[in-house]
């Protein structure tokens, strides 16, 4: 079980990096909807990476025992849940991240811009934005149609930055442990490379993200998150 988890963590990490680079390539080609989709998928992969690390450091895996069918089912359920994987990143990489907060600053409304991912995940609206990157959204009740062309440069820039921040935070957290199956010095080199890539991307591509709905109208998303929390509570 240990060897499988180690391989899964390493491959998930590698795929996260690839997705971020793919997102950047699409960004530079002005394919913003697809760039956003790749960046959001990278964030989900980082969440999977965090979750796999959590399992890997648990007593069950340390003892190298077989997983029960129930536990296997629960693990699979989390790995297939988009919002659940994003929440892993939110809780462990972005919720308290002073370096990321400094880099991206504070929105005029008073919230840290990094909080946008937090609010989007906790409000349950993550999949809605992600799906709009690929599909035409038709809402007959509210009589509106939203196509992928509405996902713009600001979306792509924002989610690429947040993917970088989430991944760098996890690499930094793993400098003293075998979080990815690589030794500390190489992990440190990877952290430095990620941070340099992020800074270069910001310098070249700086984009105003303050009109993104989940940042601009943060209170609406806070309210949705609270309502969702109450619904979840009532169901248990």
C-alpha atoms as a PDB file:
ATOM      1  CA  UNK A   1       0.000   0.000   0.000  1.00  0.00           C
ATOM      2  CA  UNK A   2       2.831   2.417   0.844  1.00  0.00           C
ATOM      3  CA  UNK A   3       4.489   1.993  -2.557  1.00  0.00           C
ATOM      4  CA  UNK A   4       1.184   2.541  -4.392  1.00  0.00           C
ATOM      5  CA  UNK A   5       0.471   5.744  -2.460  1.00  0.00           C
ATOM      6  CA  UNK A   6       3.989   7.017  -3.041  1.00  0.00           C
ATOM      7  CA  UNK A   7       3.661   6.422  -6.781  1.00  0.00           C
ATOM      8  CA  UNK A   8       0.200   8.025  -6.805  1.00  0.00           C
ATOM      9  CA  UNK A   9       1.493  11.124  -5.001  1.00  0.00           C
ATOM     10  CA  UNK A  10       4.431  11.532  -7.362  1.00  0.00           C
ATOM     11  CA  UNK A  11       2.311  11.100 -10.502  1.00  0.00           C
ATOM     12  CA  UNK A  12      -0.374  13.439  -9.161  1.00  0.00           C
ATOM     13  CA  UNK A  13       2.280  16.056  -8.430  1.00  0.00           C
ATOM     14  CA  UNK A  14       3.779  15.689 -11.919  1.00  0.00           C
ATOM     15  CA  UNK A  15       0.341  16.007 -13.505  1.00  0.00           C
ATOM     16  CA  UNK A  16      -0.385  19.136 -11.461  1.00  0.00           C
ATOM     17  CA  UNK A  17       2.783  20.774 -12.792  1.00  0.00           C
ATOM     18  CA  UNK A  18       1.961  19.714 -16.375  1.00  0.00           C
ATOM     19  CA  UNK A  19      -1.557  21.129 -16.125  1.00  0.00           C
ATOM     20  CA  UNK A  20      -0.227  24.472 -14.874  1.00  0.00           C
ATOM     21  CA  UNK A  21       2.244  24.664 -17.757  1.00  0.00           C
ATOM     22  CA  UNK A  22      -0.511  23.696 -20.226  1.00  0.00           C
ATOM     23  CA  UNK A  23      -2.704  26.440 -18.734  1.00  0.00           C
ATOM     24  CA  UNK A  24       0.083  28.997 -19.206  1.00  0.00           C
ATOM     25  CA  UNK A  25       0.645  27.923 -22.812  1.00  0.00           C
ATOM     26  CA  UNK A  26      -3.070  28.306 -23.558  1.00  0.00           C
ATOM     27  CA  UNK A  27      -3.086  31.656 -21.722  1.00  0.00           C
ATOM     28  CA  UNK A  28      -0.317  33.015 -23.950  1.00  0.00           C
ATOM     29  CA  UNK A  29      -2.275  31.796 -26.995  1.00  0.00           C
ATOM     30  CA  UNK A  30      -5.304  33.709 -25.622  1.00  0.00           C
ATOM     31  CA  UNK A  31      -7.331  30.519 -25.212  1.00  0.00           C
ATOM     32  CA  UNK A  32      -8.604  31.724 -21.862  1.00  0.00           C
ATOM     33  CA  UNK A  33     -11.502  29.327 -21.273  1.00  0.00           C
ATOM     34  CA  UNK A  34      -9.313  26.268 -21.842  1.00  0.00           C
ATOM     35  CA  UNK A  35      -6.483  27.833 -19.814  1.00  0.00           C
ATOM     36  CA  UNK A  36      -8.914  28.332 -16.933  1.00  0.00           C
ATOM     37  CA  UNK A  37     -10.123  24.748 -17.221  1.00  0.00           C
ATOM     38  CA  UNK A  38      -6.545  23.402 -17.061  1.00  0.00           C
ATOM     39  CA  UNK A  39      -5.674  25.630 -14.110  1.00  0.00           C
ATOM     40  CA  UNK A  40      -8.804  24.640 -12.166  1.00  0.00           C
ATOM     41  CA  UNK A  41      -8.099  20.979 -12.927  1.00  0.00           C
ATOM     42  CA  UNK A  42      -4.544  21.501 -11.648  1.00  0.00           C
ATOM     43  CA  UNK A  43      -5.974  22.805  -8.372  1.00  0.00           C
ATOM     44  CA  UNK A  44      -8.149  19.696  -8.099  1.00  0.00           C
ATOM     45  CA  UNK A  45      -5.092  17.507  -8.721  1.00  0.00           C
ATOM     46  CA  UNK A  46      -3.213  19.375  -5.988  1.00  0.00           C
ATOM     47  CA  UNK A  47      -6.140  18.627  -3.683  1.00  0.00           C
ATOM     48  CA  UNK A  48      -5.844  14.950  -4.595  1.00  0.00           C
ATOM     49  CA  UNK A  49      -2.125  15.174  -3.829  1.00  0.00           C
ATOM     50  CA  UNK A  50      -2.863  16.674  -0.385  1.00  0.00           C
ATOM     51  CA  UNK A  51      -5.455  13.996   0.344  1.00  0.00           C
ATOM     52  CA  UNK A  52      -3.099  11.188  -0.695  1.00  0.00           C
ATOM     53  CA  UNK A  53      -0.435  12.610   1.591  1.00  0.00           C
ATOM     54  CA  UNK A  54      -2.916  12.716   4.477  1.00  0.00           C
ATOM     55  CA  UNK A  55      -3.747   9.047   3.914  1.00  0.00           C
ATOM     56  CA  UNK A  56      -0.071   8.193   3.494  1.00  0.00           C
ATOM     57  CA  UNK A  57       0.847   9.595   6.898  1.00  0.00           C
ATOM     58  CA  UNK A  58      -2.063   7.963   8.723  1.00  0.00           C
ATOM     59  CA  UNK A  59      -1.499   5.160  11.217  1.00  0.00           C
ATOM     60  CA  UNK A  60      -3.340   2.721   8.960  1.00  0.00           C
ATOM     61  CA  UNK A  61      -0.801   3.143   6.188  1.00  0.00           C
ATOM     62  CA  UNK A  62       2.166   3.361   8.562  1.00  0.00           C
ATOM     63  CA  UNK A  63       1.241  -0.080   9.808  1.00  0.00           C
ATOM     64  CA  UNK A  64       0.991  -1.161   6.151  1.00  0.00           C
ATOM     65  CA  UNK A  65      -2.307  -2.917   6.795  1.00  0.00           C
ATOM     66  CA  UNK A  66      -4.907  -3.721   4.162  1.00  0.00           C
ATOM     67  CA  UNK A  67      -7.646  -1.133   3.740  1.00  0.00           C
ATOM     68  CA  UNK A  68     -11.189  -2.221   4.488  1.00  0.00           C
ATOM     69  CA  UNK A  69     -13.694  -2.112   1.619  1.00  0.00           C
ATOM     70  CA  UNK A  70     -15.563   0.667   3.469  1.00  0.00           C
ATOM     71  CA  UNK A  71     -12.436   2.825   3.775  1.00  0.00           C
ATOM     72  CA  UNK A  72     -11.539   2.138   0.139  1.00  0.00           C
ATOM     73  CA  UNK A  73     -15.002   3.332  -0.882  1.00  0.00           C
ATOM     74  CA  UNK A  74     -14.646   6.520   1.191  1.00  0.00           C
ATOM     75  CA  UNK A  75     -11.220   7.291  -0.282  1.00  0.00           C
ATOM     76  CA  UNK A  76     -12.504   6.760  -3.844  1.00  0.00           C
ATOM     77  CA  UNK A  77     -15.481   9.011  -3.124  1.00  0.00           C
ATOM     78  CA  UNK A  78     -13.236  11.903  -2.051  1.00  0.00           C
ATOM     79  CA  UNK A  79     -10.902  11.453  -5.031  1.00  0.00           C
ATOM     80  CA  UNK A  80     -13.854  11.752  -7.429  1.00  0.00           C
ATOM     81  CA  UNK A  81     -15.390  14.784  -5.728  1.00  0.00           C
ATOM     82  CA  UNK A  82     -14.315  18.036  -7.432  1.00  0.00           C
ATOM     83  CA  UNK A  83     -15.310  20.368  -4.596  1.00  0.00           C
ATOM     84  CA  UNK A  84     -13.880  18.013  -1.989  1.00  0.00           C
ATOM     85  CA  UNK A  85     -10.460  18.023  -3.661  1.00  0.00           C
ATOM     86  CA  UNK A  86     -10.514  21.817  -3.973  1.00  0.00           C
ATOM     87  CA  UNK A  87     -11.395  22.115  -0.283  1.00  0.00           C
ATOM     88  CA  UNK A  88      -8.247  20.121   0.532  1.00  0.00           C
ATOM     89  CA  UNK A  89      -6.189  22.802  -1.252  1.00  0.00           C
ATOM     90  CA  UNK A  90      -8.211  25.580   0.376  1.00  0.00           C
ATOM     91  CA  UNK A  91      -7.775  24.182   3.879  1.00  0.00           C
ATOM     92  CA  UNK A  92      -4.102  23.248   3.608  1.00  0.00           C
ATOM     93  CA  UNK A  93      -2.591  25.692   1.098  1.00  0.00           C
ATOM     94  CA  UNK A  94      -4.586  28.902   0.648  1.00  0.00           C
ATOM     95  CA  UNK A  95      -6.697  29.537   3.750  1.00  0.00           C
ATOM     96  CA  UNK A  96      -3.661  30.713   5.727  1.00  0.00           C
ATOM     97  CA  UNK A  97      -0.867  31.606   3.310  1.00  0.00           C
ATOM     98  CA  UNK A  98       0.855  34.888   4.148  1.00  0.00           C
ATOM     99  CA  UNK A  99       3.196  34.788   1.122  1.00  0.00           C
ATOM    100  CA  UNK A 100       0.298  34.298  -1.308  1.00  0.00           C
ATOM    101  CA  UNK A 101      -1.747  37.005   0.442  1.00  0.00           C
ATOM    102  CA  UNK A 102       1.152  39.468   0.088  1.00  0.00           C
ATOM    103  CA  UNK A 103       1.696  38.594  -3.578  1.00  0.00           C
ATOM    104  CA  UNK A 104      -1.929  39.064  -4.631  1.00  0.00           C
ATOM    105  CA  UNK A 105      -3.003  41.723  -2.152  1.00  0.00           C
ATOM    106  CA  UNK A 106      -6.375  42.874  -0.877  1.00  0.00           C
ATOM    107  CA  UNK A 107      -9.485  43.571  -2.951  1.00  0.00           C
ATOM    108  CA  UNK A 108     -11.046  47.062  -2.430  1.00  0.00           C
ATOM    109  CA  UNK A 109     -13.891  45.307  -0.567  1.00  0.00           C
ATOM    110  CA  UNK A 110     -11.378  44.262   2.105  1.00  0.00           C
ATOM    111  CA  UNK A 111     -10.910  40.542   1.423  1.00  0.00           C
ATOM    112  CA  UNK A 112      -7.664  38.920   0.330  1.00  0.00           C
ATOM    113  CA  UNK A 113      -7.838  38.057  -3.353  1.00  0.00           C
ATOM    114  CA  UNK A 114      -6.676  34.519  -2.534  1.00  0.00           C
ATOM    115  CA  UNK A 115      -9.979  34.117  -0.654  1.00  0.00           C
ATOM    116  CA  UNK A 116     -11.776  33.845  -3.986  1.00  0.00           C
ATOM    117  CA  UNK A 117     -10.884  30.150  -4.273  1.00  0.00           C
ATOM    118  CA  UNK A 118     -11.930  29.602  -0.661  1.00  0.00           C
ATOM    119  CA  UNK A 119     -15.346  31.196  -1.268  1.00  0.00           C
ATOM    120  CA  UNK A 120     -15.871  29.463  -4.602  1.00  0.00           C
ATOM    121  CA  UNK A 121     -15.154  26.045  -3.076  1.00  0.00           C
ATOM    122  CA  UNK A 122     -17.145  26.542   0.128  1.00  0.00           C
ATOM    123  CA  UNK A 123     -20.148  28.052  -1.659  1.00  0.00           C
ATOM    124  CA  UNK A 124     -20.468  24.990  -3.899  1.00  0.00           C
ATOM    125  CA  UNK A 125     -20.016  27.085  -7.054  1.00  0.00           C
ATOM    126  CA  UNK A 126     -16.669  25.612  -8.116  1.00  0.00           C
ATOM    127  CA  UNK A 127     -18.052  23.092 -10.627  1.00  0.00           C
ATOM    128  CA  UNK A 128     -20.337  25.734 -12.129  1.00  0.00           C
ATOM    129  CA  UNK A 129     -17.391  27.959 -13.102  1.00  0.00           C
ATOM    130  CA  UNK A 130     -15.313  24.966 -14.206  1.00  0.00           C
ATOM    131  CA  UNK A 131     -18.082  23.644 -16.472  1.00  0.00           C
ATOM    132  CA  UNK A 132     -18.544  27.043 -18.101  1.00  0.00           C
ATOM    133  CA  UNK A 133     -15.004  26.744 -19.428  1.00  0.00           C
ATOM    134  CA  UNK A 134     -16.170  23.960 -21.759  1.00  0.00           C
ATOM    135  CA  UNK A 135     -19.945  23.984 -22.046  1.00  0.00           C
ATOM    136  CA  UNK A 136     -22.670  26.430 -23.006  1.00  0.00           C
ATOM    137  CA  UNK A 137     -24.711  27.002 -19.849  1.00  0.00           C
ATOM    138  CA  UNK A 138     -28.436  27.332 -20.573  1.00  0.00           C
ATOM    139  CA  UNK A 139     -30.682  28.436 -17.716  1.00  0.00           C
ATOM    140  CA  UNK A 140     -34.343  28.567 -18.766  1.00  0.00           C
ATOM    141  CA  UNK A 141     -35.538  29.690 -15.332  1.00  0.00           C
ATOM    142  CA  UNK A 142     -33.366  32.805 -15.263  1.00  0.00           C
ATOM    143  CA  UNK A 143     -33.521  33.114 -19.064  1.00  0.00           C
ATOM    144  CA  UNK A 144     -29.807  33.414 -19.740  1.00  0.00           C
ATOM    145  CA  UNK A 145     -27.204  31.613 -21.803  1.00  0.00           C
ATOM    146  CA  UNK A 146     -23.508  31.647 -20.877  1.00  0.00           C
ATOM    147  CA  UNK A 147     -20.935  30.323 -23.353  1.00  0.00           C
ATOM    148  CA  UNK A 148     -17.236  29.581 -22.711  1.00  0.00           C
ATOM    149  CA  UNK A 149     -16.304  32.902 -24.347  1.00  0.00           C
ATOM    150  CA  UNK A 150     -17.509  34.577 -21.121  1.00  0.00           C
ATOM    151  CA  UNK A 151     -14.582  32.973 -19.303  1.00  0.00           C
ATOM    152  CA  UNK A 152     -11.913  35.585 -19.863  1.00  0.00           C
ATOM    153  CA  UNK A 153      -8.293  36.489 -19.301  1.00  0.00           C
ATOM    154  CA  UNK A 154      -8.907  37.447 -15.671  1.00  0.00           C
ATOM    155  CA  UNK A 155     -10.272  33.966 -14.887  1.00  0.00           C
ATOM    156  CA  UNK A 156      -7.301  32.230 -16.491  1.00  0.00           C
ATOM    157  CA  UNK A 157      -4.742  34.499 -14.824  1.00  0.00           C
ATOM    158  CA  UNK A 158      -6.332  34.130 -11.406  1.00  0.00           C
ATOM    159  CA  UNK A 159      -6.620  30.345 -11.406  1.00  0.00           C
ATOM    160  CA  UNK A 160      -3.106  29.843 -12.816  1.00  0.00           C
ATOM    161  CA  UNK A 161      -1.741  31.966  -9.959  1.00  0.00           C
ATOM    162  CA  UNK A 162      -3.786  30.067  -7.372  1.00  0.00           C
ATOM    163  CA  UNK A 163      -2.643  26.719  -8.776  1.00  0.00           C
ATOM    164  CA  UNK A 164       0.965  27.830  -8.440  1.00  0.00           C
ATOM    165  CA  UNK A 165       0.358  29.036  -4.886  1.00  0.00           C
ATOM    166  CA  UNK A 166      -1.373  25.816  -3.852  1.00  0.00           C
ATOM    167  CA  UNK A 167       1.346  23.591  -5.255  1.00  0.00           C
ATOM    168  CA  UNK A 168       4.233  25.675  -3.896  1.00  0.00           C
ATOM    169  CA  UNK A 169       2.678  25.598  -0.411  1.00  0.00           C
ATOM    170  CA  UNK A 170       2.525  21.806  -0.516  1.00  0.00           C
ATOM    171  CA  UNK A 171       6.107  21.423  -1.725  1.00  0.00           C
ATOM    172  CA  UNK A 172       7.273  23.779   1.020  1.00  0.00           C
ATOM    173  CA  UNK A 173       5.321  21.802   3.614  1.00  0.00           C
ATOM    174  CA  UNK A 174       7.045  18.646   2.409  1.00  0.00           C
ATOM    175  CA  UNK A 175      10.646  19.813   2.567  1.00  0.00           C
ATOM    176  CA  UNK A 176      11.352  17.812   5.711  1.00  0.00           C
ATOM    177  CA  UNK A 177       9.350  14.695   4.870  1.00  0.00           C
ATOM    178  CA  UNK A 178       9.128  12.361   1.910  1.00  0.00           C
ATOM    179  CA  UNK A 179       5.906  13.958   0.724  1.00  0.00           C
ATOM    180  CA  UNK A 180       6.533  13.183  -2.946  1.00  0.00           C
ATOM    181  CA  UNK A 181       9.008  10.377  -2.732  1.00  0.00           C
ATOM    182  CA  UNK A 182      11.906  12.740  -3.356  1.00  0.00           C
ATOM    183  CA  UNK A 183      14.649  13.833  -1.012  1.00  0.00           C
ATOM    184  CA  UNK A 184      14.704  17.259   0.632  1.00  0.00           C
ATOM    185  CA  UNK A 185      17.231  19.024  -1.595  1.00  0.00           C
ATOM    186  CA  UNK A 186      15.336  18.204  -4.779  1.00  0.00           C
ATOM    187  CA  UNK A 187      12.079  19.276  -3.135  1.00  0.00           C
ATOM    188  CA  UNK A 188      13.728  22.605  -2.265  1.00  0.00           C
ATOM    189  CA  UNK A 189      14.847  23.042  -5.890  1.00  0.00           C
ATOM    190  CA  UNK A 190      11.316  22.333  -7.088  1.00  0.00           C
ATOM    191  CA  UNK A 191       9.924  24.921  -4.661  1.00  0.00           C
ATOM    192  CA  UNK A 192      12.373  27.565  -5.892  1.00  0.00           C
ATOM    193  CA  UNK A 193      11.480  26.784  -9.524  1.00  0.00           C
ATOM    194  CA  UNK A 194       7.744  27.007  -8.831  1.00  0.00           C
ATOM    195  CA  UNK A 195       8.086  30.364  -7.064  1.00  0.00           C
ATOM    196  CA  UNK A 196      10.335  31.769  -9.818  1.00  0.00           C
ATOM    197  CA  UNK A 197       7.877  30.618 -12.492  1.00  0.00           C
ATOM    198  CA  UNK A 198       4.995  32.225 -10.605  1.00  0.00           C
ATOM    199  CA  UNK A 199       6.810  35.549 -10.146  1.00  0.00           C
ATOM    200  CA  UNK A 200       7.762  35.596 -13.841  1.00  0.00           C
ATOM    201  CA  UNK A 201       4.167  34.831 -14.846  1.00  0.00           C
ATOM    202  CA  UNK A 202       2.863  37.660 -12.648  1.00  0.00           C
ATOM    203  CA  UNK A 203       5.417  40.133 -14.060  1.00  0.00           C
ATOM    204  CA  UNK A 204       4.632  39.242 -17.686  1.00  0.00           C
ATOM    205  CA  UNK A 205       0.881  38.691 -17.427  1.00  0.00           C
ATOM    206  CA  UNK A 206      -0.398  40.897 -14.555  1.00  0.00           C
ATOM    207  CA  UNK A 207      -4.174  41.072 -14.970  1.00  0.00           C
ATOM    208  CA  UNK A 208      -6.848  42.854 -12.950  1.00  0.00           C
ATOM    209  CA  UNK A 209      -9.042  40.202 -11.281  1.00  0.00           C
ATOM    210  CA  UNK A 210     -11.147  42.549  -9.144  1.00  0.00           C
ATOM    211  CA  UNK A 211     -14.254  42.187 -11.330  1.00  0.00           C
ATOM    212  CA  UNK A 212     -14.435  38.405 -10.894  1.00  0.00           C
ATOM    213  CA  UNK A 213     -17.824  37.807  -9.320  1.00  0.00           C
ATOM    214  CA  UNK A 214     -16.592  35.518  -6.524  1.00  0.00           C
ATOM    215  CA  UNK A 215     -14.127  38.226  -5.430  1.00  0.00           C
ATOM    216  CA  UNK A 216     -16.134  41.362  -6.157  1.00  0.00           C
ATOM    217  CA  UNK A 217     -19.337  40.020  -4.582  1.00  0.00           C
ATOM    218  CA  UNK A 218     -17.662  38.036  -1.826  1.00  0.00           C
ATOM    219  CA  UNK A 219     -20.536  38.483   0.635  1.00  0.00           C
ATOM    220  CA  UNK A 220     -22.914  36.646  -1.700  1.00  0.00           C
ATOM    221  CA  UNK A 221     -20.555  33.669  -1.735  1.00  0.00           C
ATOM    222  CA  UNK A 222     -20.075  33.839   2.035  1.00  0.00           C
ATOM    223  CA  UNK A 223     -23.851  33.642   2.425  1.00  0.00           C
ATOM    224  CA  UNK A 224     -24.040  30.666   0.051  1.00  0.00           C
ATOM    225  CA  UNK A 225     -21.263  28.944   2.011  1.00  0.00           C
ATOM    226  CA  UNK A 226     -23.166  29.466   5.270  1.00  0.00           C
ATOM    227  CA  UNK A 227     -26.408  28.137   3.760  1.00  0.00           C
ATOM    228  CA  UNK A 228     -24.551  25.111   2.407  1.00  0.00           C
ATOM    229  CA  UNK A 229     -22.991  24.467   5.797  1.00  0.00           C
ATOM    230  CA  UNK A 230     -26.437  24.477   7.419  1.00  0.00           C
ATOM    231  CA  UNK A 231     -27.837  22.063   4.798  1.00  0.00           C
ATOM    232  CA  UNK A 232     -24.925  19.676   5.313  1.00  0.00           C
ATOM    233  CA  UNK A 233     -25.377  19.905   9.105  1.00  0.00           C
ATOM    234  CA  UNK A 234     -29.105  19.164   8.821  1.00  0.00           C
ATOM    235  CA  UNK A 235     -28.404  16.028   6.777  1.00  0.00           C
ATOM    236  CA  UNK A 236     -26.222  14.426   9.454  1.00  0.00           C
END
